[in-house]
Amino acid sequence: MIRKLVVLLLICLFSAALLLGYGAWKFDSALKQPLNLTQEQLLDVPAGATPTGTFNRLEADGVLEGAFWLRLYWRFNLDGQPLHSGEYRMTPGMTAQGLIGLWQRGEVVQYSLTLVEGWNFRQVRSALAKHEKIVQTLSGLSDSEVMDKLGHPGVFPEGRFFPDTYRFVRGMTDVEFLKKAYSRLDDVLAQEWSKRAADVPYTDPYQALIMASLVEKETGVPEERGQIAGVFVRRLKVGMLLQTDPTVIYGLGERYNGKLTRAHLKEANPYNTYMVAGLPPTPIAMVGREAIHAALNPVAGSSLYFVARGDGSHIFSDDLDAHNAAVREFQLKRRADYRSSPAQAVKPLEEPAPPAEPVPADTQAEPVPDTAAPQNSQ
């Protein structure tokens, strides 16, 4: 009897060993199998998906085999490990174990969208709407309705988002994206406000943001931001009009067709700094940290004018006579290769001159005679 029990025990042990060996072999085979792919493929794991359901789906799609063993492997070895939602990049030659490794590390595919310094809110919304990986929820809403959705009712959206390259995973909504950019701008503005120069003429950070947007739109050479801010700040302090074309262009909105005319400069609207003293009522574009820093820490000096040289940089002048001389040299006698900025258009600032003084004529605007009111160049 004892002998039979020993034999039976040995048989059970041997069978168990065989089963364990078989199981280990199946685990190993399932894990080391290469995915059945001939080209890169994205695996979309929606929110709430489980490893069991995902393994079964991959097996049904013919991407892998042995889903049962892979499920057991996850249960015994990775119990409690969450399966992060998102997209995972599967490539030819990748094994099932390699895919599981991506899941463990949460290495979902990331996308990016860059908001560019100088963009207005219309351009921001257009870029968001075109990105196929961003979930669109704001289509058809007005700008004020968008701000309501973001939790900032009554806030004007222009300039309230920080230009940067933002990374995200598939499934992010346009609201979530904008909330991130809005919060980032608030953080940067607060940081720079705390380091502002003692004598800047702003009562609150929002005024500094408005000034930074003028600096952003006028700057072609980054190193000149502080000097341009200095000109604007000195003009504010002595009560001179800012007279900067970007504000006029912003006030025209979609009516602006690339040509700024004398009539536009005389058109009454809150953004026409040729007609209205002080800062415009809101920012006119998104601004980077450098423009904010320049607005809050303008370069000291005595210049009140600047005009584009034609290579992206500017000539700064202390008085109207020197400025008009620079206008004659760099604006009225433009070279064929003239450009006001290496990137975006840079528009020189100038004080109204008496009718007899020569003034620059914008090559993109209607011809302006020398006796006309001054007009900046595009």
Protein backbone atom coordinates (compact mmCIF):
# COMPACT_ATOMS: atom_id res chain seq x y z
CA MET A 1 0.00 0.00 0.00
CA ILE A 2 2.76 2.39 0.96
CA ARG A 3 4.59 1.48 -2.22
CA LYS A 4 1.54 2.36 -4.29
CA LEU A 5 1.21 5.69 -2.53
CA VAL A 6 4.86 6.49 -3.18
CA VAL A 7 4.47 5.60 -6.84
CA LEU A 8 1.32 7.73 -7.06
CA LEU A 9 3.11 10.63 -5.35
CA LEU A 10 6.02 10.33 -7.73
CA ILE A 11 3.65 10.31 -10.70
CA CYS A 12 1.90 13.43 -9.36
CA LEU A 13 5.21 15.17 -8.79
CA PHE A 14 6.40 14.23 -12.24
CA SER A 15 3.13 15.43 -13.79
CA ALA A 16 3.36 18.65 -11.85
CA ALA A 17 6.91 19.12 -13.02
CA LEU A 18 5.81 18.51 -16.58
CA LEU A 19 2.98 21.00 -16.21
CA LEU A 20 5.26 23.59 -14.67
CA GLY A 21 7.79 23.05 -17.40
CA TYR A 22 5.10 23.27 -20.03
CA GLY A 23 3.71 26.40 -18.42
CA ALA A 24 7.15 27.98 -18.20
CA TRP A 25 7.79 27.13 -21.84
CA LYS A 26 4.42 28.62 -22.88
CA PHE A 27 5.07 31.75 -20.81
CA ASP A 28 8.50 32.09 -22.36
CA SER A 29 7.22 31.45 -25.88
CA ALA A 30 4.34 33.88 -25.47
CA LEU A 31 6.57 36.61 -24.08
CA LYS A 32 9.37 36.19 -26.59
CA GLN A 33 7.19 35.89 -29.67
CA PRO A 34 7.69 38.74 -32.14
CA LEU A 35 4.56 40.69 -32.91
CA ASN A 36 3.07 39.83 -36.27
CA LEU A 37 3.74 43.16 -37.93
CA THR A 38 5.27 44.19 -41.21
CA GLN A 39 5.21 47.92 -40.43
CA GLU A 40 4.86 50.24 -37.48
CA GLN A 41 1.41 50.26 -35.95
CA LEU A 42 -0.19 52.26 -33.15
CA LEU A 43 -2.11 50.45 -30.45
CA ASP A 44 -4.87 52.59 -29.00
CA VAL A 45 -5.64 51.75 -25.38
CA PRO A 46 -8.75 53.70 -24.37
CA ALA A 47 -9.40 54.84 -20.83
CA GLY A 48 -10.67 51.95 -18.72
CA ALA A 49 -9.15 49.23 -20.92
CA THR A 50 -7.75 46.15 -19.15
CA PRO A 51 -4.75 43.96 -20.01
CA THR A 52 -7.11 41.00 -20.48
CA GLY A 53 -9.25 42.81 -23.04
CA THR A 54 -6.23 44.28 -24.81
CA PHE A 55 -4.44 40.92 -25.10
CA ASN A 56 -7.64 39.35 -26.44
CA ARG A 57 -8.03 42.15 -29.00
CA LEU A 58 -4.44 41.78 -30.18
CA GLU A 59 -4.90 38.02 -30.58
CA ALA A 60 -8.15 38.50 -32.49
CA ASP A 61 -6.36 40.96 -34.79
CA GLY A 62 -3.61 38.41 -35.42
CA VAL A 63 -0.90 40.57 -33.88
CA LEU A 64 0.09 37.93 -31.31
CA GLU A 65 -0.76 34.46 -30.02
CA GLY A 66 -1.14 32.94 -26.57
CA ALA A 67 -3.25 35.69 -25.04
CA PHE A 68 -4.22 33.28 -22.26
CA TRP A 69 -0.60 32.90 -21.15
CA LEU A 70 0.07 36.59 -21.40
CA ARG A 71 -2.97 37.30 -19.23
CA LEU A 72 -1.67 34.84 -16.64
CA TYR A 73 1.77 36.42 -16.77
CA TRP A 74 0.29 39.86 -16.10
CA ARG A 75 -1.89 38.53 -13.26
CA PHE A 76 0.94 36.71 -11.47
CA ASN A 77 3.72 39.21 -12.09
CA LEU A 78 2.13 42.63 -12.55
CA ASP A 79 -0.98 42.45 -10.41
CA GLY A 80 -2.03 45.97 -9.49
CA GLN A 81 -0.01 47.57 -12.29
CA PRO A 82 -2.32 50.03 -14.11
CA LEU A 83 -2.59 49.96 -17.88
CA HIS A 84 -2.18 53.60 -18.88
CA SER A 85 -4.52 54.75 -21.61
CA GLY A 86 -3.09 56.24 -24.78
CA GLU A 87 -1.34 55.09 -27.91
CA TYR A 88 1.59 52.68 -27.92
CA ARG A 89 3.97 52.34 -30.84
CA MET A 90 4.37 48.72 -31.97
CA THR A 91 7.21 48.07 -34.41
CA PRO A 92 8.28 45.05 -36.49
CA GLY A 93 10.61 42.88 -34.42
CA MET A 94 9.11 43.96 -31.09
CA THR A 95 8.21 41.07 -28.80
CA ALA A 96 5.14 40.71 -26.63
CA GLN A 97 7.43 41.23 -23.63
CA GLY A 98 8.68 44.46 -25.18
CA LEU A 99 5.10 45.65 -25.58
CA ILE A 100 4.33 44.78 -21.96
CA GLY A 101 7.41 46.78 -20.99
CA LEU A 102 5.93 49.83 -22.75
CA TRP A 103 2.72 49.33 -20.77
CA GLN A 104 4.62 49.04 -17.50
CA ARG A 105 6.49 52.26 -18.13
CA GLY A 106 3.47 54.05 -19.55
CA GLU A 107 5.44 54.99 -22.68
CA VAL A 108 2.51 56.30 -24.65
CA VAL A 109 3.04 58.10 -27.93
CA GLN A 110 3.28 61.85 -27.41
CA TYR A 111 2.34 64.54 -29.86
CA SER A 112 3.25 68.20 -29.85
CA LEU A 113 1.82 71.52 -30.89
CA THR A 114 3.81 74.74 -30.90
CA LEU A 115 2.19 78.07 -30.12
CA VAL A 116 4.36 80.76 -31.69
CA GLU A 117 5.36 84.11 -30.20
CA GLY A 118 3.41 86.87 -31.90
CA TRP A 119 0.39 84.74 -32.78
CA ASN A 120 -3.04 86.14 -32.04
CA PHE A 121 -5.85 84.10 -30.53
CA ARG A 122 -7.44 83.47 -33.91
CA GLN A 123 -4.24 81.74 -35.03
CA VAL A 124 -4.11 79.73 -31.81
CA ARG A 125 -7.64 78.44 -32.31
CA SER A 126 -6.89 77.61 -35.95
CA ALA A 127 -3.81 75.57 -35.01
CA LEU A 128 -5.76 73.68 -32.34
CA ALA A 129 -8.61 72.92 -34.72
CA LYS A 130 -6.24 71.48 -37.32
CA HIS A 131 -4.50 69.04 -34.96
CA GLU A 132 -6.10 65.65 -35.55
CA LYS A 133 -4.97 64.20 -32.21
CA ILE A 134 -6.67 66.90 -30.14
CA VAL A 135 -10.32 66.28 -29.27
CA GLN A 136 -12.31 69.24 -30.56
CA THR A 137 -14.95 70.61 -28.18
CA LEU A 138 -14.82 74.34 -28.91
CA SER A 139 -15.85 74.40 -32.57
CA GLY A 140 -18.45 77.04 -33.28
CA LEU A 141 -18.01 78.82 -29.95
CA SER A 142 -17.18 82.51 -29.71
CA ASP A 143 -13.99 83.62 -28.00
CA SER A 144 -15.94 84.68 -24.91
CA GLU A 145 -17.66 81.28 -24.79
CA VAL A 146 -14.25 79.62 -25.03
CA MET A 147 -13.06 81.58 -22.01
CA ASP A 148 -16.20 80.51 -20.15
CA LYS A 149 -15.30 76.89 -20.88
CA LEU A 150 -11.79 77.50 -19.54
CA GLY A 151 -13.19 78.81 -16.28
CA HIS A 152 -12.25 82.45 -16.94
CA PRO A 153 -15.49 84.22 -17.83
CA GLY A 154 -15.11 87.83 -18.82
CA VAL A 155 -11.37 87.52 -19.53
CA PHE A 156 -10.28 88.74 -22.96
CA PRO A 157 -8.30 85.86 -24.53
CA GLU A 158 -5.72 87.79 -26.55
CA GLY A 159 -2.21 87.34 -25.18
CA ARG A 160 -3.37 85.17 -22.26
CA PHE A 161 -1.68 81.97 -23.45
CA PHE A 162 2.03 81.19 -23.31
CA PRO A 163 3.82 80.40 -26.58
CA ASP A 164 5.71 77.15 -26.25
CA THR A 165 5.87 73.60 -27.58
CA TYR A 166 3.34 71.52 -25.67
CA ARG A 167 3.44 67.72 -25.59
CA PHE A 168 0.35 65.63 -25.02
CA VAL A 169 -1.16 62.22 -25.65
CA ARG A 170 -4.04 61.38 -27.91
CA GLY A 171 -7.32 62.23 -26.29
CA MET A 172 -6.38 65.60 -24.83
CA THR A 173 -9.18 68.10 -25.45
CA ASP A 174 -8.71 71.60 -26.78
CA VAL A 175 -9.99 72.88 -23.44
CA GLU A 176 -7.32 70.95 -21.53
CA PHE A 177 -4.64 72.24 -23.90
CA LEU A 178 -5.68 75.86 -23.53
CA LYS A 179 -5.93 75.55 -19.75
CA LYS A 180 -2.33 74.39 -19.67
CA ALA A 181 -1.14 77.29 -21.86
CA TYR A 182 -3.18 79.80 -19.83
CA SER A 183 -1.74 78.56 -16.54
CA ARG A 184 1.78 78.64 -17.98
CA LEU A 185 1.40 82.30 -18.97
CA ASP A 186 0.15 83.18 -15.50
CA ASP A 187 3.16 81.46 -13.92
CA VAL A 188 5.72 83.15 -16.19
CA LEU A 189 4.11 86.58 -15.83
CA ALA A 190 4.08 86.28 -12.04
CA GLN A 191 7.73 85.22 -11.99
CA GLU A 192 8.82 88.13 -14.18
CA TRP A 193 6.61 90.65 -12.36
CA SER A 194 8.40 89.77 -9.11
CA LYS A 195 11.71 90.73 -10.77
CA ARG A 196 10.54 93.98 -12.41
CA ALA A 197 12.53 97.19 -12.36
CA ALA A 198 11.46 99.67 -9.69
CA ASP A 199 10.48 102.49 -12.06
CA VAL A 200 8.35 100.72 -14.71
CA PRO A 201 5.08 102.61 -15.32
CA TYR A 202 2.63 99.75 -14.85
CA THR A 203 -0.01 99.47 -12.16
CA ASP A 204 -0.47 95.72 -12.57
CA PRO A 205 0.97 92.71 -14.45
CA TYR A 206 -1.69 92.96 -17.16
CA GLN A 207 -0.36 96.32 -18.31
CA ALA A 208 3.10 94.79 -18.51
CA LEU A 209 1.63 91.99 -20.61
CA ILE A 210 0.13 94.55 -23.00
CA MET A 211 3.50 96.28 -23.34
CA ALA A 212 5.23 92.93 -23.86
CA SER A 213 2.91 92.22 -26.79
CA LEU A 214 3.98 95.47 -28.48
CA VAL A 215 7.63 94.58 -27.92
CA GLU A 216 7.00 91.08 -29.30
CA LYS A 217 5.43 92.38 -32.49
CA GLU A 218 8.04 95.09 -33.07
CA THR A 219 11.13 92.97 -32.47
CA GLY A 220 13.03 91.31 -35.29
CA VAL A 221 16.37 90.97 -33.53
CA PRO A 222 15.94 89.40 -30.07
CA GLU A 223 18.79 91.44 -28.59
CA GLU A 224 16.84 94.65 -29.23
CA ARG A 225 13.80 93.78 -27.12
CA GLY A 226 15.08 95.75 -24.14
CA GLN A 227 15.89 98.81 -26.24
CA ILE A 228 12.49 98.78 -27.93
CA ALA A 229 10.80 98.43 -24.56
CA GLY A 230 12.90 101.36 -23.38
CA VAL A 231 11.62 103.57 -26.20
CA PHE A 232 8.00 102.67 -25.45
CA VAL A 233 8.38 103.18 -21.71
CA ARG A 234 10.06 106.57 -22.13
CA ARG A 235 7.29 107.63 -24.50
CA LEU A 236 4.69 106.68 -21.91
CA LYS A 237 6.49 108.62 -19.22
CA VAL A 238 6.72 111.83 -21.24
CA GLY A 239 3.21 111.56 -22.67
CA MET A 240 4.11 110.82 -26.29
CA LEU A 241 1.91 108.67 -28.46
CA LEU A 242 3.29 105.16 -28.93
CA GLN A 243 2.48 105.16 -32.67
CA THR A 244 3.17 101.53 -33.40
CA ASP A 245 1.74 99.90 -36.52
CA PRO A 246 1.02 96.46 -34.99
CA THR A 247 -1.69 98.00 -32.80
CA VAL A 248 -3.35 99.60 -35.80
CA ILE A 249 -3.18 96.34 -37.71
CA TYR A 250 -4.68 94.48 -34.76
CA GLY A 251 -7.52 96.98 -34.57
CA LEU A 252 -8.31 96.38 -38.24
CA GLY A 253 -8.76 92.67 -37.56
CA GLU A 254 -9.65 90.60 -40.60
CA ARG A 255 -9.97 93.79 -42.66
CA TYR A 256 -6.18 94.04 -42.78
CA ASN A 257 -4.97 92.73 -46.15
CA GLY A 258 -1.26 93.40 -45.82
CA LYS A 259 -1.48 97.06 -46.78
CA LEU A 260 -1.49 99.73 -44.11
CA THR A 261 -2.67 103.10 -45.43
CA ARG A 262 -2.84 106.67 -44.20
CA ALA A 263 -6.58 106.25 -43.76
CA HIS A 264 -5.97 103.33 -41.41
CA LEU A 265 -3.67 105.47 -39.27
CA LYS A 266 -6.44 108.06 -38.90
CA GLU A 267 -9.18 105.54 -38.20
CA ALA A 268 -10.53 105.90 -34.68
CA ASN A 269 -10.48 102.70 -32.63
CA PRO A 270 -9.13 101.83 -29.17
CA TYR A 271 -6.07 100.10 -30.67
CA ASN A 272 -4.91 102.96 -32.90
CA THR A 273 -1.91 104.27 -30.96
CA TYR A 274 -1.52 107.01 -33.56
CA MET A 275 -4.78 108.46 -32.24
CA VAL A 276 -5.10 107.19 -28.66
CA ALA A 277 -2.58 107.94 -25.95
CA GLY A 278 -1.14 105.27 -23.71
CA LEU A 279 -1.29 101.50 -24.03
CA PRO A 280 -3.96 99.75 -26.06
CA PRO A 281 -6.75 98.16 -23.97
CA THR A 282 -5.48 94.58 -24.31
CA PRO A 283 -2.47 92.62 -25.54
CA ILE A 284 -2.35 92.22 -29.30
CA ALA A 285 -0.48 88.89 -29.46
CA MET A 286 1.06 86.08 -27.45
CA VAL A 287 4.37 86.89 -25.85
CA GLY A 288 7.40 84.89 -24.78
CA ARG A 289 9.28 85.22 -21.51
CA GLU A 290 11.94 87.41 -23.16
CA ALA A 291 9.40 90.03 -24.25
CA ILE A 292 7.81 90.05 -20.79
CA HIS A 293 11.22 90.45 -19.19
CA ALA A 294 12.08 93.30 -21.56
CA ALA A 295 8.80 95.10 -20.83
CA LEU A 296 9.48 94.84 -17.10
CA ASN A 297 13.18 95.65 -17.38
CA PRO A 298 13.54 98.14 -20.25
CA VAL A 299 17.04 99.21 -21.23
CA ALA A 300 17.88 102.66 -19.91
CA GLY A 301 18.69 105.40 -22.39
CA SER A 302 17.38 108.53 -24.05
CA SER A 303 16.15 107.28 -27.43
CA LEU A 304 12.53 108.01 -28.33
CA TYR A 305 12.52 106.73 -31.93
CA PHE A 306 13.60 103.72 -33.92
CA VAL A 307 13.52 102.78 -37.57
CA ALA A 308 14.28 99.51 -39.34
CA ARG A 309 17.65 99.33 -41.10
CA GLY A 310 16.49 96.72 -43.58
CA ASP A 311 18.45 93.79 -42.16
CA GLY A 312 16.11 93.07 -39.23
CA SER A 313 17.81 95.48 -36.82
CA HIS A 314 16.98 99.10 -35.98
CA ILE A 315 18.53 102.54 -35.72
CA PHE A 316 17.59 104.23 -32.41
CA SER A 317 17.46 108.03 -32.23
CA ASP A 318 17.12 110.53 -29.39
CA ASP A 319 15.49 113.35 -31.36
CA LEU A 320 13.30 113.86 -34.37
CA ASP A 321 16.01 115.31 -36.60
CA ALA A 322 18.25 112.26 -36.16
CA HIS A 323 15.27 109.99 -36.64
CA ASN A 324 14.20 111.62 -39.86
CA ALA A 325 17.76 111.35 -41.15
CA ALA A 326 17.63 107.63 -40.44
CA VAL A 327 14.25 107.44 -42.16
CA ARG A 328 15.69 109.06 -45.28
CA GLU A 329 18.62 106.65 -45.32
CA PHE A 330 16.88 103.38 -44.51
CA GLN A 331 13.25 103.86 -45.52
CA LEU A 332 12.99 106.28 -48.41
CA LYS A 333 15.97 104.71 -50.22
CA ARG A 334 15.26 101.07 -49.63
CA ARG A 335 17.51 98.50 -51.20
CA ALA A 336 16.05 95.69 -53.27
CA ASP A 337 16.89 93.23 -50.49
CA TYR A 338 15.30 95.37 -47.78
CA ARG A 339 13.57 93.48 -45.03
CA SER A 340 12.36 94.84 -41.74
CA SER A 341 12.74 91.58 -39.85
CA PRO A 342 14.47 88.22 -40.21
CA ALA A 343 11.27 86.50 -39.18
CA GLN A 344 8.14 88.57 -38.65
CA ALA A 345 7.60 92.08 -39.88
CA VAL A 346 9.25 94.73 -37.76
CA LYS A 347 7.61 98.12 -37.81
CA PRO A 348 9.61 101.22 -36.82
CA LEU A 349 8.14 103.72 -34.43
CA GLU A 350 8.19 107.44 -35.06
CA GLU A 351 6.81 110.73 -33.85
CA PRO A 352 4.54 112.78 -36.15
CA ALA A 353 6.68 115.22 -38.12
CA PRO A 354 5.77 118.62 -39.49
CA PRO A 355 4.42 118.45 -43.05
CA ALA A 356 7.73 119.55 -44.53
CA GLU A 357 9.68 116.72 -42.90
CA PRO A 358 10.40 113.61 -45.01
CA VAL A 359 8.73 110.42 -43.77
CA PRO A 360 9.06 106.74 -44.66
CA ALA A 361 6.71 105.22 -47.18
CA ASP A 362 5.60 101.68 -46.58
CA THR A 363 6.41 99.48 -49.56
CA GLN A 364 3.31 97.43 -48.76
CA ALA A 365 1.05 100.43 -48.26
CA GLU A 366 -0.39 103.01 -50.57
CA PRO A 367 2.30 105.49 -51.74
CA VAL A 368 2.69 108.26 -49.15
CA PRO A 369 4.08 111.60 -50.31
CA ASP A 370 6.85 113.26 -48.33
CA THR A 371 4.44 115.85 -46.96
CA ALA A 372 2.00 113.29 -45.59
CA ALA A 373 1.59 112.33 -41.97
CA PRO A 374 4.27 109.80 -40.96
CA GLN A 375 3.68 106.13 -41.46
CA ASN A 376 5.69 103.18 -40.21
CA SER A 377 7.06 100.55 -42.54
CA GLN A 378 6.06 96.93 -42.66
